[in-house]
Amino acid sequence: MVLISAVTLVLLCCGGAAISAIVSPPSDSQGQKNPAAESVPTAKAEDNSSEEPAELAPTPQATPTQLATPTAAPTPNVQTRTETETQKIAFQTKTIYDSSLAKGTKKVTTRGVPGVKTLTYQITLTDGVQTAKKLIKSEITKAPVTQVVRVGTKETRQCDPNYSGACVPIASDVDCAGGSGNGPAYVVGPVRVVGSDIYDLDRDGDGIGCD
């Protein structure tokens, strides 16, 4: 099929000159594309395929937040028990002054004995650990015994060992009672001289003084 037809017009004019013209008729169809237009190359994007692509850092992905599921607190294990302990009770001392005993003499007539007190406690344990201690009972299981001490108040006379029979006091001077001597101490005789007659009681020298 001939798409392009030429019509040659020959015009003869004076002088025998001929002008030939080639006229291209219009395209058979308006919708047909121009092959010349299709043959025009379009600009291509710069080919960078030979270059190594830049390594990109991995994009961190968001991790969905997980909400903790609330859990019920465990119920504490509470237990109670009783415990007892004992304590000593100190005894008291009672002093009695006794005129039948020599002055300065002490005599324990009743020995003191400590008493015993029993204490009962309620112990509270929480998960095995002691958290409370309460006294619930206190009683004296053994009463103490009071100690009794007797203290003598009796005045005692010290006798001079040079005499016997009657007590000749030890003093700066001793005379026979009822005599003419002025003391300051006196003795009621008779007294026997067993040592030295330091107070001159045996005036007649028979070994008996104040007779």
N, C-alpha and C. Protein backbone atom coordinates (compact mmCIF):
# COMPACT_ATOMS: atom_id res chain seq x y z
N MET A 1 0.85 -1.19 0.00
CA MET A 1 0.00 0.00 0.00
C MET A 1 0.87 1.21 0.00
N VAL A 2 0.57 2.10 -0.88
CA VAL A 2 1.38 3.31 -0.98
C VAL A 2 0.72 4.34 -0.11
N LEU A 3 1.43 4.75 0.97
CA LEU A 3 0.86 5.73 1.87
C LEU A 3 1.03 7.13 1.37
N ILE A 4 2.10 7.31 0.69
CA ILE A 4 2.37 8.69 0.21
C ILE A 4 2.34 8.65 -1.33
N SER A 5 1.51 9.43 -1.91
CA SER A 5 1.44 9.55 -3.40
C SER A 5 1.88 10.93 -3.82
N ALA A 6 2.49 11.02 -4.96
CA ALA A 6 3.02 12.31 -5.40
C ALA A 6 2.29 12.76 -6.65
N VAL A 7 2.02 13.94 -6.65
CA VAL A 7 1.39 14.54 -7.83
C VAL A 7 2.39 15.53 -8.40
N THR A 8 2.73 15.31 -9.54
CA THR A 8 3.72 16.19 -10.19
C THR A 8 3.00 17.12 -11.14
N LEU A 9 3.23 18.25 -10.85
CA LEU A 9 2.64 19.27 -11.72
C LEU A 9 3.75 19.88 -12.56
N VAL A 10 3.53 19.81 -13.71
CA VAL A 10 4.53 20.39 -14.61
C VAL A 10 3.93 21.63 -15.24
N LEU A 11 4.56 22.65 -15.00
CA LEU A 11 4.09 23.90 -15.55
C LEU A 11 5.10 24.36 -16.61
N LEU A 12 4.60 24.54 -17.64
CA LEU A 12 5.44 25.02 -18.74
C LEU A 12 5.21 26.50 -18.90
N CYS A 13 6.16 27.14 -18.95
CA CYS A 13 6.03 28.59 -19.20
C CYS A 13 6.94 28.98 -20.35
N CYS A 14 6.97 30.24 -20.57
CA CYS A 14 7.75 30.75 -21.70
C CYS A 14 9.18 30.37 -21.56
N GLY A 15 9.78 29.87 -22.31
CA GLY A 15 11.19 29.51 -22.30
C GLY A 15 11.34 28.04 -22.13
N GLY A 16 10.27 27.29 -21.98
CA GLY A 16 10.36 25.84 -21.86
C GLY A 16 10.84 25.40 -20.51
N ALA A 17 10.89 26.30 -19.59
CA ALA A 17 11.31 25.89 -18.21
C ALA A 17 10.22 25.14 -17.55
N ALA A 18 10.60 24.17 -16.83
CA ALA A 18 9.62 23.33 -16.09
C ALA A 18 9.95 23.33 -14.61
N ILE A 19 8.98 23.47 -13.83
CA ILE A 19 9.12 23.42 -12.35
C ILE A 19 8.31 22.25 -11.88
N SER A 20 8.99 21.43 -11.25
CA SER A 20 8.33 20.23 -10.67
C SER A 20 8.15 20.44 -9.17
N ALA A 21 7.01 20.09 -8.73
CA ALA A 21 6.74 20.20 -7.28
C ALA A 21 6.18 18.90 -6.75
N ILE A 22 6.65 18.52 -5.67
CA ILE A 22 6.16 17.30 -5.02
C ILE A 22 5.38 17.71 -3.77
N VAL A 23 4.15 17.39 -3.88
CA VAL A 23 3.29 17.77 -2.74
C VAL A 23 2.88 16.49 -2.02
N SER A 24 3.09 16.46 -0.73
CA SER A 24 2.71 15.30 0.08
C SER A 24 1.29 15.47 0.55
N PRO A 25 0.43 14.51 0.18
CA PRO A 25 -0.97 14.60 0.62
C PRO A 25 -1.08 14.38 2.13
N PRO A 26 -2.16 14.82 2.73
CA PRO A 26 -2.38 14.61 4.20
C PRO A 26 -2.51 13.15 4.54
N SER A 27 -2.34 12.83 5.77
CA SER A 27 -2.42 11.45 6.26
C SER A 27 -3.79 10.92 6.04
N ASP A 28 -3.85 9.58 5.83
CA ASP A 28 -5.12 8.93 5.60
C ASP A 28 -6.05 9.09 6.79
N SER A 29 -5.49 9.13 7.95
CA SER A 29 -6.36 9.21 9.15
C SER A 29 -5.76 10.20 10.14
N GLN A 30 -6.68 10.99 10.78
CA GLN A 30 -6.21 11.96 11.81
C GLN A 30 -5.73 11.28 13.09
N GLY A 31 -6.28 10.16 13.32
CA GLY A 31 -5.91 9.47 14.57
C GLY A 31 -4.63 8.73 14.49
N GLN A 32 -4.06 8.64 13.23
CA GLN A 32 -2.80 7.91 13.10
C GLN A 32 -1.66 8.76 13.59
N LYS A 33 -0.74 8.13 14.34
CA LYS A 33 0.37 8.84 14.95
C LYS A 33 1.42 9.13 13.94
N ASN A 34 2.14 10.19 14.16
CA ASN A 34 3.23 10.57 13.29
C ASN A 34 4.43 9.73 13.66
N PRO A 35 4.90 8.91 12.64
CA PRO A 35 6.04 8.05 12.95
C PRO A 35 7.27 8.85 13.28
N ALA A 36 7.39 10.06 12.71
CA ALA A 36 8.58 10.86 13.00
C ALA A 36 8.60 11.31 14.44
N ALA A 37 7.35 11.59 14.96
CA ALA A 37 7.28 12.02 16.37
C ALA A 37 7.64 10.90 17.30
N GLU A 38 7.22 9.66 16.89
CA GLU A 38 7.50 8.53 17.77
C GLU A 38 8.97 8.20 17.77
N SER A 39 9.64 8.57 16.63
CA SER A 39 11.05 8.20 16.54
C SER A 39 11.96 9.12 17.32
N VAL A 40 11.37 10.28 17.83
CA VAL A 40 12.22 11.21 18.58
C VAL A 40 12.52 10.60 19.95
N PRO A 41 13.76 10.40 20.19
CA PRO A 41 14.07 9.77 21.51
C PRO A 41 13.78 10.73 22.66
N THR A 42 13.22 10.19 23.71
CA THR A 42 12.93 10.98 24.93
C THR A 42 14.16 10.94 25.83
N ALA A 43 14.23 12.01 26.63
CA ALA A 43 15.38 12.11 27.54
C ALA A 43 15.29 11.03 28.60
N LYS A 44 16.36 10.32 28.73
CA LYS A 44 16.40 9.24 29.73
C LYS A 44 17.04 9.77 31.02
N ALA A 45 16.52 9.24 32.08
CA ALA A 45 17.09 9.60 33.39
C ALA A 45 18.49 9.06 33.50
N GLU A 46 19.29 9.77 34.18
CA GLU A 46 20.68 9.38 34.34
C GLU A 46 20.75 8.02 34.99
N ASP A 47 21.47 7.14 34.34
CA ASP A 47 21.57 5.77 34.83
C ASP A 47 22.70 5.67 35.84
N ASN A 48 22.30 5.43 37.04
CA ASN A 48 23.29 5.28 38.12
C ASN A 48 23.35 3.87 38.62
N SER A 49 22.96 2.96 37.71
CA SER A 49 22.90 1.57 38.15
C SER A 49 24.28 1.01 38.46
N SER A 50 25.31 1.68 37.87
CA SER A 50 26.65 1.16 38.10
C SER A 50 27.16 1.48 39.50
N GLU A 51 26.54 2.47 40.16
CA GLU A 51 26.98 2.85 41.49
C GLU A 51 26.32 1.96 42.54
N GLU A 52 27.05 1.74 43.66
CA GLU A 52 26.50 0.95 44.74
C GLU A 52 25.44 1.78 45.47
N PRO A 53 24.30 1.24 45.71
CA PRO A 53 23.27 2.00 46.44
C PRO A 53 23.72 2.27 47.88
N ALA A 54 23.41 3.45 48.37
CA ALA A 54 23.78 3.82 49.75
C ALA A 54 23.04 2.93 50.74
N GLU A 55 23.83 2.44 51.72
CA GLU A 55 23.23 1.55 52.73
C GLU A 55 22.50 2.39 53.76
N LEU A 56 21.25 2.16 53.88
CA LEU A 56 20.43 2.93 54.81
C LEU A 56 20.32 2.19 56.14
N ALA A 57 20.32 2.99 57.22
CA ALA A 57 20.17 2.39 58.56
C ALA A 57 18.78 1.83 58.69
N PRO A 58 18.68 0.67 59.33
CA PRO A 58 17.34 0.08 59.47
C PRO A 58 16.46 0.98 60.33
N THR A 59 15.27 1.14 59.87
CA THR A 59 14.31 1.97 60.59
C THR A 59 13.76 1.21 61.78
N PRO A 60 13.97 1.74 62.98
CA PRO A 60 13.45 1.01 64.15
C PRO A 60 11.94 0.92 64.10
N GLN A 61 11.48 -0.24 64.37
CA GLN A 61 10.05 -0.45 64.38
C GLN A 61 9.52 -0.27 65.79
N ALA A 62 8.47 0.44 65.91
CA ALA A 62 7.88 0.71 67.22
C ALA A 62 7.33 -0.58 67.81
N THR A 63 7.71 -0.81 69.07
CA THR A 63 7.19 -1.99 69.76
C THR A 63 5.95 -1.59 70.53
N PRO A 64 4.91 -2.26 70.33
CA PRO A 64 3.68 -1.89 71.04
C PRO A 64 3.87 -2.04 72.55
N THR A 65 3.46 -1.03 73.33
CA THR A 65 3.58 -1.06 74.78
C THR A 65 2.60 -2.07 75.35
N GLN A 66 3.19 -2.96 76.17
CA GLN A 66 2.35 -3.96 76.80
C GLN A 66 2.01 -3.51 78.20
N LEU A 67 0.78 -3.38 78.51
CA LEU A 67 0.34 -2.97 79.83
C LEU A 67 0.31 -4.17 80.75
N ALA A 68 0.97 -3.99 81.94
CA ALA A 68 1.01 -5.10 82.90
C ALA A 68 -0.38 -5.34 83.45
N THR A 69 -0.71 -6.57 83.48
CA THR A 69 -2.01 -6.94 84.03
C THR A 69 -1.95 -6.88 85.54
N PRO A 70 -2.74 -6.03 86.20
CA PRO A 70 -2.67 -5.94 87.67
C PRO A 70 -3.02 -7.27 88.30
N THR A 71 -2.16 -7.64 89.30
CA THR A 71 -2.41 -8.88 90.02
C THR A 71 -2.73 -8.56 91.46
N ALA A 72 -3.56 -9.32 92.04
CA ALA A 72 -3.97 -9.11 93.43
C ALA A 72 -2.82 -9.44 94.37
N ALA A 73 -2.61 -8.58 95.39
CA ALA A 73 -1.55 -8.82 96.37
C ALA A 73 -1.86 -10.08 97.16
N PRO A 74 -0.81 -10.88 97.46
CA PRO A 74 -1.06 -12.12 98.21
C PRO A 74 -1.52 -11.81 99.63
N THR A 75 -2.42 -12.61 100.12
CA THR A 75 -2.93 -12.43 101.48
C THR A 75 -1.88 -12.88 102.48
N PRO A 76 -1.47 -11.99 103.44
CA PRO A 76 -0.45 -12.39 104.42
C PRO A 76 -0.95 -13.51 105.32
N ASN A 77 -0.02 -14.37 105.72
CA ASN A 77 -0.32 -15.48 106.60
C ASN A 77 -0.08 -15.03 108.04
N VAL A 78 -1.16 -14.82 108.79
CA VAL A 78 -1.08 -14.32 110.16
C VAL A 78 -1.41 -15.45 111.12
N GLN A 79 -0.51 -15.67 112.07
CA GLN A 79 -0.70 -16.71 113.08
C GLN A 79 -0.45 -16.12 114.46
N THR A 80 -1.09 -16.69 115.48
CA THR A 80 -0.88 -16.28 116.87
C THR A 80 -0.56 -17.50 117.72
N ARG A 81 0.25 -17.26 118.73
CA ARG A 81 0.58 -18.32 119.68
C ARG A 81 0.91 -17.68 121.02
N THR A 82 0.96 -18.50 122.06
CA THR A 82 1.28 -18.01 123.39
C THR A 82 2.63 -18.53 123.84
N GLU A 83 3.35 -17.67 124.56
CA GLU A 83 4.64 -18.04 125.12
C GLU A 83 4.68 -17.60 126.57
N THR A 84 5.40 -18.36 127.41
CA THR A 84 5.56 -18.01 128.82
C THR A 84 7.03 -17.85 129.16
N GLU A 85 7.29 -16.97 130.10
CA GLU A 85 8.65 -16.80 130.60
C GLU A 85 8.57 -16.49 132.08
N THR A 86 9.65 -16.77 132.80
CA THR A 86 9.66 -16.57 134.24
C THR A 86 10.68 -15.51 134.62
N GLN A 87 10.38 -14.82 135.70
CA GLN A 87 11.27 -13.80 136.24
C GLN A 87 11.42 -14.02 137.74
N LYS A 88 12.61 -13.71 138.26
CA LYS A 88 12.83 -13.82 139.69
C LYS A 88 12.28 -12.60 140.41
N ILE A 89 11.77 -12.84 141.60
CA ILE A 89 11.31 -11.75 142.46
C ILE A 89 12.27 -11.69 143.66
N ALA A 90 12.93 -10.58 143.81
CA ALA A 90 13.90 -10.43 144.90
C ALA A 90 13.18 -10.44 146.25
N PHE A 91 13.80 -11.08 147.19
CA PHE A 91 13.21 -11.10 148.54
C PHE A 91 13.60 -9.83 149.29
N GLN A 92 12.81 -9.48 150.30
CA GLN A 92 13.06 -8.32 151.15
C GLN A 92 13.76 -8.78 152.43
N THR A 93 14.37 -7.83 153.10
CA THR A 93 15.06 -8.12 154.36
C THR A 93 14.43 -7.30 155.49
N LYS A 94 14.11 -7.99 156.56
CA LYS A 94 13.52 -7.35 157.73
C LYS A 94 14.52 -7.40 158.89
N THR A 95 14.76 -6.24 159.51
CA THR A 95 15.72 -6.16 160.62
C THR A 95 14.97 -6.02 161.94
N ILE A 96 15.34 -6.87 162.89
CA ILE A 96 14.74 -6.81 164.23
C ILE A 96 15.86 -6.56 165.24
N TYR A 97 15.69 -5.53 166.05
CA TYR A 97 16.68 -5.21 167.08
C TYR A 97 16.35 -6.03 168.34
N ASP A 98 17.34 -6.80 168.78
CA ASP A 98 17.15 -7.75 169.86
C ASP A 98 18.05 -7.37 171.04
N SER A 99 17.39 -7.07 172.17
CA SER A 99 18.15 -6.67 173.36
C SER A 99 18.78 -7.87 174.07
N SER A 100 18.40 -9.07 173.64
CA SER A 100 19.00 -10.25 174.26
C SER A 100 20.34 -10.60 173.63
N LEU A 101 20.64 -9.98 172.52
CA LEU A 101 21.92 -10.21 171.86
C LEU A 101 22.87 -9.07 172.15
N ALA A 102 24.13 -9.40 172.19
CA ALA A 102 25.13 -8.37 172.48
C ALA A 102 25.13 -7.32 171.37
N LYS A 103 25.43 -6.12 171.78
CA LYS A 103 25.42 -5.00 170.83
C LYS A 103 26.42 -5.25 169.71
N GLY A 104 25.96 -5.01 168.45
CA GLY A 104 26.81 -5.22 167.28
C GLY A 104 26.71 -6.62 166.69
N THR A 105 25.97 -7.51 167.39
CA THR A 105 25.82 -8.87 166.88
C THR A 105 24.65 -8.93 165.90
N LYS A 106 24.85 -9.62 164.76
CA LYS A 106 23.79 -9.84 163.77
C LYS A 106 23.57 -11.34 163.60
N LYS A 107 22.32 -11.69 163.55
CA LYS A 107 21.98 -13.09 163.41
C LYS A 107 20.81 -13.25 162.44
N VAL A 108 21.01 -14.06 161.38
CA VAL A 108 19.93 -14.32 160.42
C VAL A 108 19.08 -15.45 160.97
N THR A 109 17.86 -15.12 161.31
CA THR A 109 16.97 -16.13 161.86
C THR A 109 16.08 -16.77 160.79
N THR A 110 15.83 -16.06 159.68
CA THR A 110 15.06 -16.61 158.56
C THR A 110 15.78 -16.22 157.27
N ARG A 111 16.18 -17.21 156.54
CA ARG A 111 16.92 -16.95 155.30
C ARG A 111 15.94 -16.59 154.17
N GLY A 112 16.29 -15.55 153.42
CA GLY A 112 15.42 -15.13 152.32
C GLY A 112 15.53 -16.03 151.11
N VAL A 113 14.38 -16.18 150.42
CA VAL A 113 14.32 -17.01 149.21
C VAL A 113 13.63 -16.20 148.11
N PRO A 114 14.25 -16.09 146.91
CA PRO A 114 13.59 -15.34 145.82
C PRO A 114 12.30 -16.02 145.38
N GLY A 115 11.38 -15.21 144.91
CA GLY A 115 10.13 -15.72 144.37
C GLY A 115 10.22 -15.86 142.86
N VAL A 116 9.13 -16.34 142.25
CA VAL A 116 9.08 -16.56 140.80
C VAL A 116 7.78 -15.95 140.26
N LYS A 117 7.91 -15.18 139.19
CA LYS A 117 6.76 -14.61 138.50
C LYS A 117 6.70 -15.21 137.10
N THR A 118 5.51 -15.65 136.70
CA THR A 118 5.32 -16.24 135.37
C THR A 118 4.53 -15.26 134.50
N LEU A 119 5.10 -14.93 133.33
CA LEU A 119 4.47 -14.01 132.39
C LEU A 119 4.04 -14.77 131.14
N THR A 120 2.81 -14.52 130.70
CA THR A 120 2.28 -15.16 129.50
C THR A 120 2.06 -14.09 128.43
N TYR A 121 2.61 -14.33 127.24
CA TYR A 121 2.51 -13.37 126.14
C TYR A 121 1.77 -14.00 124.96
N GLN A 122 1.07 -13.14 124.22
CA GLN A 122 0.48 -13.55 122.93
C GLN A 122 1.38 -13.03 121.82
N ILE A 123 1.90 -13.94 121.02
CA ILE A 123 2.82 -13.60 119.94
C ILE A 123 2.08 -13.65 118.61
N THR A 124 2.23 -12.59 117.81
CA THR A 124 1.64 -12.55 116.47
C THR A 124 2.74 -12.68 115.43
N LEU A 125 2.56 -13.64 114.51
CA LEU A 125 3.52 -13.88 113.42
C LEU A 125 2.85 -13.57 112.10
N THR A 126 3.52 -12.77 111.27
CA THR A 126 3.05 -12.46 109.92
C THR A 126 4.06 -13.01 108.93
N ASP A 127 3.61 -14.00 108.17
CA ASP A 127 4.51 -14.69 107.22
C ASP A 127 5.77 -15.20 107.93
N GLY A 128 5.57 -15.72 109.13
CA GLY A 128 6.68 -16.33 109.86
C GLY A 128 7.54 -15.36 110.64
N VAL A 129 7.25 -14.05 110.58
CA VAL A 129 8.05 -13.03 111.27
C VAL A 129 7.22 -12.44 112.40
N GLN A 130 7.82 -12.34 113.60
CA GLN A 130 7.11 -11.79 114.75
C GLN A 130 6.84 -10.30 114.54
N THR A 131 5.55 -9.92 114.62
CA THR A 131 5.17 -8.53 114.42
C THR A 131 4.52 -7.91 115.65
N ALA A 132 4.19 -8.71 116.64
CA ALA A 132 3.57 -8.15 117.84
C ALA A 132 3.79 -9.10 119.02
N LYS A 133 3.87 -8.49 120.23
CA LYS A 133 4.01 -9.27 121.47
C LYS A 133 3.22 -8.55 122.54
N LYS A 134 2.22 -9.24 123.10
CA LYS A 134 1.32 -8.61 124.05
C LYS A 134 1.25 -9.45 125.32
N LEU A 135 1.43 -8.77 126.48
CA LEU A 135 1.33 -9.45 127.77
C LEU A 135 -0.14 -9.67 128.09
N ILE A 136 -0.54 -10.91 128.27
CA ILE A 136 -1.94 -11.20 128.55
C ILE A 136 -2.15 -11.75 129.96
N LYS A 137 -1.07 -12.15 130.65
CA LYS A 137 -1.24 -12.69 132.00
C LYS A 137 0.06 -12.58 132.77
N SER A 138 -0.07 -12.21 134.06
CA SER A 138 1.09 -12.13 134.94
C SER A 138 0.67 -12.65 136.31
N GLU A 139 1.38 -13.65 136.81
CA GLU A 139 1.02 -14.19 138.11
C GLU A 139 2.28 -14.62 138.86
N ILE A 140 2.19 -14.53 140.19
CA ILE A 140 3.28 -14.97 141.04
C ILE A 140 3.08 -16.45 141.33
N THR A 141 3.95 -17.26 140.77
CA THR A 141 3.83 -18.71 140.95
C THR A 141 4.58 -19.20 142.18
N LYS A 142 5.49 -18.38 142.72
CA LYS A 142 6.18 -18.71 143.96
C LYS A 142 6.49 -17.42 144.69
N ALA A 143 5.89 -17.27 145.86
CA ALA A 143 6.08 -16.03 146.62
C ALA A 143 7.47 -16.00 147.24
N PRO A 144 8.09 -14.85 147.31
CA PRO A 144 9.42 -14.75 147.94
C PRO A 144 9.29 -14.87 149.46
N VAL A 145 10.37 -15.32 150.08
CA VAL A 145 10.43 -15.44 151.54
C VAL A 145 11.28 -14.30 152.07
N THR A 146 10.73 -13.53 153.00
CA THR A 146 11.44 -12.39 153.57
C THR A 146 12.54 -12.87 154.51
N GLN A 147 13.72 -12.29 154.37
CA GLN A 147 14.83 -12.63 155.26
C GLN A 147 14.75 -11.80 156.53
N VAL A 148 14.92 -12.47 157.66
CA VAL A 148 14.83 -11.80 158.96
C VAL A 148 16.21 -11.80 159.60
N VAL A 149 16.67 -10.60 159.99
CA VAL A 149 17.97 -10.45 160.63
C VAL A 149 17.76 -9.78 161.98
N ARG A 150 18.30 -10.41 163.02
CA ARG A 150 18.23 -9.84 164.36
C ARG A 150 19.56 -9.15 164.68
N VAL A 151 19.47 -7.92 165.19
CA VAL A 151 20.65 -7.13 165.55
C VAL A 151 20.63 -6.89 167.06
N GLY A 152 21.73 -7.29 167.72
CA GLY A 152 21.79 -7.13 169.18
C GLY A 152 22.00 -5.71 169.62
N THR A 153 21.36 -5.38 170.75
CA THR A 153 21.49 -4.03 171.34
C THR A 153 21.99 -4.08 172.78
N LYS A 154 22.21 -5.26 173.30
CA LYS A 154 22.60 -5.39 174.70
C LYS A 154 24.02 -4.89 174.91
N GLU A 155 24.14 -4.00 175.88
CA GLU A 155 25.45 -3.49 176.25
C GLU A 155 26.20 -4.57 177.04
N THR A 156 27.39 -4.86 176.70
CA THR A 156 28.20 -5.87 177.39
C THR A 156 29.38 -5.20 178.07
N ARG A 157 29.66 -5.65 179.28
CA ARG A 157 30.79 -5.11 180.04
C ARG A 157 32.01 -5.98 179.81
N GLN A 158 33.10 -5.34 179.56
CA GLN A 158 34.36 -6.07 179.44
C GLN A 158 35.04 -6.13 180.81
N CYS A 159 35.35 -7.32 181.22
CA CYS A 159 35.92 -7.54 182.55
C CYS A 159 37.44 -7.63 182.48
N ASP A 160 38.06 -7.13 183.49
CA ASP A 160 39.53 -7.19 183.56
C ASP A 160 39.95 -8.63 183.87
N PRO A 161 40.83 -9.21 183.03
CA PRO A 161 41.22 -10.61 183.24
C PRO A 161 42.07 -10.86 184.49
N ASN A 162 42.46 -9.82 185.21
CA ASN A 162 43.26 -10.01 186.44
C ASN A 162 42.40 -10.42 187.63
N TYR A 163 41.07 -10.40 187.43
CA TYR A 163 40.16 -10.70 188.53
C TYR A 163 39.13 -11.72 188.04
N SER A 164 38.55 -12.46 188.97
CA SER A 164 37.50 -13.42 188.68
C SER A 164 36.46 -13.37 189.79
N GLY A 165 35.37 -14.09 189.59
CA GLY A 165 34.28 -14.09 190.57
C GLY A 165 33.28 -13.02 190.21
N ALA A 166 33.65 -11.82 190.25
CA ALA A 166 32.82 -10.70 189.84
C ALA A 166 33.54 -9.97 188.71
N CYS A 167 32.75 -9.33 187.89
CA CYS A 167 33.34 -8.64 186.72
C CYS A 167 33.89 -7.30 187.17
N VAL A 168 35.16 -7.19 187.08
CA VAL A 168 35.82 -5.92 187.38
C VAL A 168 35.97 -5.18 186.05
N PRO A 169 35.27 -4.07 185.90
CA PRO A 169 35.33 -3.36 184.62
C PRO A 169 36.72 -2.82 184.33
N ILE A 170 36.94 -2.63 183.04
CA ILE A 170 38.21 -2.04 182.60
C ILE A 170 38.00 -0.54 182.55
N ALA A 171 38.71 0.17 183.38
CA ALA A 171 38.55 1.62 183.45
C ALA A 171 39.86 2.22 183.93
N SER A 172 39.86 3.57 184.06
CA SER A 172 41.07 4.24 184.53
C SER A 172 41.32 3.93 186.01
N ASP A 173 40.24 3.66 186.75
CA ASP A 173 40.38 3.26 188.15
C ASP A 173 39.07 2.58 188.57
N VAL A 174 39.19 1.54 189.39
CA VAL A 174 38.03 0.82 189.89
C VAL A 174 38.17 0.73 191.41
N ASP A 175 37.07 1.04 192.12
CA ASP A 175 37.03 0.96 193.57
C ASP A 175 35.92 0.00 193.99
N CYS A 176 36.03 -0.45 195.23
CA CYS A 176 34.98 -1.32 195.76
C CYS A 176 33.74 -0.48 196.06
N ALA A 177 32.58 -1.03 195.64
CA ALA A 177 31.33 -0.33 195.87
C ALA A 177 31.09 -0.20 197.37
N GLY A 178 30.65 1.00 197.80
CA GLY A 178 30.39 1.26 199.22
C GLY A 178 31.61 1.69 199.98
N GLY A 179 32.77 1.73 199.34
CA GLY A 179 34.00 2.14 200.03
C GLY A 179 34.22 3.63 199.89
N SER A 180 35.41 4.02 200.21
CA SER A 180 35.76 5.45 200.18
C SER A 180 36.36 5.90 198.85
N GLY A 181 36.50 4.96 197.98
CA GLY A 181 37.09 5.33 196.69
C GLY A 181 36.15 6.18 195.85
N ASN A 182 36.76 6.94 194.92
CA ASN A 182 35.96 7.86 194.08
C ASN A 182 35.82 7.41 192.62
N GLY A 183 36.07 6.10 192.38
CA GLY A 183 35.82 5.57 191.05
C GLY A 183 36.84 6.03 190.02
N PRO A 184 36.45 6.17 188.76
CA PRO A 184 35.06 6.33 188.31
C PRO A 184 34.26 5.05 188.19
N ALA A 185 34.89 3.84 188.26
CA ALA A 185 34.16 2.60 188.13
C ALA A 185 34.19 1.88 189.47
N TYR A 186 33.16 1.05 189.70
CA TYR A 186 33.04 0.34 190.97
C TYR A 186 32.73 -1.13 190.70
N VAL A 187 33.06 -1.98 191.70
CA VAL A 187 32.79 -3.40 191.60
C VAL A 187 32.23 -3.86 192.95
N VAL A 188 31.26 -4.74 192.88
CA VAL A 188 30.69 -5.32 194.08
C VAL A 188 31.41 -6.64 194.33
N GLY A 189 32.09 -6.74 195.43
CA GLY A 189 32.90 -7.92 195.72
C GLY A 189 32.11 -8.98 196.47
N PRO A 190 32.73 -10.03 196.82
CA PRO A 190 34.19 -10.16 196.73
C PRO A 190 34.67 -10.57 195.34
N VAL A 191 35.91 -10.27 195.05
CA VAL A 191 36.55 -10.66 193.79
C VAL A 191 37.87 -11.32 194.12
N ARG A 192 38.24 -12.30 193.33
CA ARG A 192 39.50 -13.01 193.54
C ARG A 192 40.55 -12.43 192.60
N VAL A 193 41.69 -12.19 193.17
CA VAL A 193 42.80 -11.67 192.37
C VAL A 193 43.53 -12.87 191.78
N VAL A 194 43.51 -12.95 190.42
CA VAL A 194 44.15 -14.07 189.74
C VAL A 194 45.38 -13.61 188.98
N GLY A 195 45.58 -12.33 188.94
CA GLY A 195 46.73 -11.78 188.24
C GLY A 195 47.34 -10.69 189.09
N SER A 196 47.50 -9.55 188.50
CA SER A 196 48.03 -8.38 189.23
C SER A 196 46.86 -7.56 189.76
N ASP A 197 46.97 -7.14 191.00
CA ASP A 197 45.92 -6.31 191.59
C ASP A 197 46.16 -4.86 191.19
N ILE A 198 45.83 -4.55 189.90
CA ILE A 198 46.15 -3.23 189.36
C ILE A 198 45.29 -2.14 189.97
N TYR A 199 44.13 -2.50 190.52
CA TYR A 199 43.25 -1.49 191.08
C TYR A 199 43.36 -1.43 192.63
N ASP A 200 44.26 -2.25 193.22
CA ASP A 200 44.49 -2.26 194.67
C ASP A 200 43.20 -2.57 195.43
N LEU A 201 42.54 -3.63 195.01
CA LEU A 201 41.29 -4.03 195.64
C LEU A 201 41.55 -4.95 196.86
N ASP A 202 42.67 -5.67 196.83
CA ASP A 202 42.99 -6.59 197.95
C ASP A 202 43.91 -5.83 198.91
N ARG A 203 43.30 -5.08 199.77
CA ARG A 203 44.08 -4.25 200.67
C ARG A 203 44.85 -5.09 201.73
N ASP A 204 44.29 -6.21 202.16
CA ASP A 204 44.93 -7.02 203.18
C ASP A 204 45.81 -8.11 202.59
N GLY A 205 45.85 -8.27 201.29
CA GLY A 205 46.75 -9.18 200.63
C GLY A 205 46.42 -10.64 200.77
N ASP A 206 45.16 -10.98 201.04
CA ASP A 206 44.77 -12.38 201.17
C ASP A 206 44.28 -12.98 199.85
N GLY A 207 44.38 -12.21 198.82
CA GLY A 207 43.95 -12.69 197.49
C GLY A 207 42.51 -12.44 197.18
N ILE A 208 41.78 -11.88 198.18
CA ILE A 208 40.36 -11.59 197.96
C ILE A 208 40.21 -10.08 198.11
N GLY A 209 39.56 -9.46 197.13
CA GLY A 209 39.36 -8.03 197.18
C GLY A 209 37.89 -7.70 197.42
N CYS A 210 37.70 -6.54 198.00
CA CYS A 210 36.35 -6.03 198.26
C CYS A 210 35.56 -6.99 199.14
N ASP A 211 36.20 -7.66 200.14
CA ASP A 211 35.48 -8.59 201.02
C ASP A 211 35.04 -7.90 202.31
